[in-house]
């Protein structure tokens, strides 16, 4: 994974092209560093999975 791939996947989630994104444990730090720079960061929800992976969804309303 690189930053360009992360940005592409973030945009796909945001635009509804994909409904969820599984980020592997080894890619998490890079993905998160790109994700937190997004203006709608609080609308992405990550759910921890077994083995350290994270499943992301995009929500219509920001989390609190």
C-alpha atoms as a PDB file:
ATOM      1  CA  UNK A   1       0.000   0.000   0.000  1.00  0.00           C
ATOM      2  CA  UNK A   2       1.111   3.552  -0.704  1.00  0.00           C
ATOM      3  CA  UNK A   3      -0.462   6.975  -0.102  1.00  0.00           C
ATOM      4  CA  UNK A   4      -1.996   7.183  -3.580  1.00  0.00           C
ATOM      5  CA  UNK A   5      -3.753   3.840  -3.077  1.00  0.00           C
ATOM      6  CA  UNK A   6      -5.027   4.966   0.332  1.00  0.00           C
ATOM      7  CA  UNK A   7      -6.415   8.215  -1.118  1.00  0.00           C
ATOM      8  CA  UNK A   8      -8.102   6.293  -3.931  1.00  0.00           C
ATOM      9  CA  UNK A   9      -9.767   3.862  -1.510  1.00  0.00           C
ATOM     10  CA  UNK A  10     -10.855   6.711   0.801  1.00  0.00           C
ATOM     11  CA  UNK A  11     -12.505   8.442  -2.160  1.00  0.00           C
ATOM     12  CA  UNK A  12     -14.203   5.210  -3.232  1.00  0.00           C
ATOM     13  CA  UNK A  13     -15.644   4.786   0.276  1.00  0.00           C
ATOM     14  CA  UNK A  14     -16.717   8.428   0.393  1.00  0.00           C
ATOM     15  CA  UNK A  15     -18.441   8.258  -3.005  1.00  0.00           C
ATOM     16  CA  UNK A  16     -20.178   4.934  -2.367  1.00  0.00           C
ATOM     17  CA  UNK A  17     -18.226   2.985  -4.993  1.00  0.00           C
ATOM     18  CA  UNK A  18     -17.367   0.479  -2.247  1.00  0.00           C
ATOM     19  CA  UNK A  19     -19.347  -0.039   0.961  1.00  0.00           C
ATOM     20  CA  UNK A  20     -16.464  -1.181   3.153  1.00  0.00           C
ATOM     21  CA  UNK A  21     -12.694  -1.417   3.129  1.00  0.00           C
ATOM     22  CA  UNK A  22     -10.556  -3.947   4.977  1.00  0.00           C
ATOM     23  CA  UNK A  23      -7.178  -2.501   5.931  1.00  0.00           C
ATOM     24  CA  UNK A  24      -4.563  -5.086   6.856  1.00  0.00           C
ATOM     25  CA  UNK A  25      -2.599  -4.764  10.075  1.00  0.00           C
ATOM     26  CA  UNK A  26       0.647  -3.993   8.245  1.00  0.00           C
ATOM     27  CA  UNK A  27      -0.989  -1.162   6.248  1.00  0.00           C
ATOM     28  CA  UNK A  28      -2.912   0.429   9.108  1.00  0.00           C
ATOM     29  CA  UNK A  29      -0.455   3.160  10.130  1.00  0.00           C
ATOM     30  CA  UNK A  30       0.019   4.445   6.599  1.00  0.00           C
ATOM     31  CA  UNK A  31      -3.713   4.341   5.881  1.00  0.00           C
ATOM     32  CA  UNK A  32      -4.580   6.144   9.112  1.00  0.00           C
ATOM     33  CA  UNK A  33      -2.015   8.872   8.496  1.00  0.00           C
ATOM     34  CA  UNK A  34      -3.748   9.626   5.180  1.00  0.00           C
ATOM     35  CA  UNK A  35      -7.242   9.253   6.646  1.00  0.00           C
ATOM     36  CA  UNK A  36      -6.792  11.752   9.492  1.00  0.00           C
ATOM     37  CA  UNK A  37      -5.860  14.457   6.979  1.00  0.00           C
ATOM     38  CA  UNK A  38      -9.310  14.238   5.361  1.00  0.00           C
ATOM     39  CA  UNK A  39     -11.793  17.043   6.159  1.00  0.00           C
ATOM     40  CA  UNK A  40     -14.571  14.467   6.755  1.00  0.00           C
ATOM     41  CA  UNK A  41     -12.384  12.200   8.898  1.00  0.00           C
ATOM     42  CA  UNK A  42     -15.101  11.788  11.537  1.00  0.00           C
ATOM     43  CA  UNK A  43     -17.451  10.225   9.003  1.00  0.00           C
ATOM     44  CA  UNK A  44     -15.204   7.180   8.597  1.00  0.00           C
ATOM     45  CA  UNK A  45     -15.799   4.405  11.102  1.00  0.00           C
ATOM     46  CA  UNK A  46     -13.179   1.739  11.697  1.00  0.00           C
ATOM     47  CA  UNK A  47     -14.086  -1.535  13.369  1.00  0.00           C
ATOM     48  CA  UNK A  48     -11.246  -3.665  14.689  1.00  0.00           C
ATOM     49  CA  UNK A  49     -11.142  -7.242  13.416  1.00  0.00           C
ATOM     50  CA  UNK A  50      -9.246 -10.312  14.528  1.00  0.00           C
ATOM     51  CA  UNK A  51      -5.557 -10.275  13.781  1.00  0.00           C
ATOM     52  CA  UNK A  52      -5.226  -6.485  13.932  1.00  0.00           C
ATOM     53  CA  UNK A  53      -7.096  -5.674  10.721  1.00  0.00           C
ATOM     54  CA  UNK A  54      -9.620  -2.811  10.551  1.00  0.00           C
ATOM     55  CA  UNK A  55     -12.855  -2.677   8.567  1.00  0.00           C
ATOM     56  CA  UNK A  56     -13.819   0.873   7.511  1.00  0.00           C
ATOM     57  CA  UNK A  57     -17.249   2.221   6.568  1.00  0.00           C
ATOM     58  CA  UNK A  58     -18.336   5.723   5.561  1.00  0.00           C
ATOM     59  CA  UNK A  59     -21.240   7.214   7.539  1.00  0.00           C
ATOM     60  CA  UNK A  60     -23.588   9.988   6.397  1.00  0.00           C
ATOM     61  CA  UNK A  61     -23.339  11.741   9.756  1.00  0.00           C
ATOM     62  CA  UNK A  62     -20.049  12.334  11.613  1.00  0.00           C
ATOM     63  CA  UNK A  63     -19.385  10.399  14.773  1.00  0.00           C
ATOM     64  CA  UNK A  64     -19.201  12.381  17.998  1.00  0.00           C
END
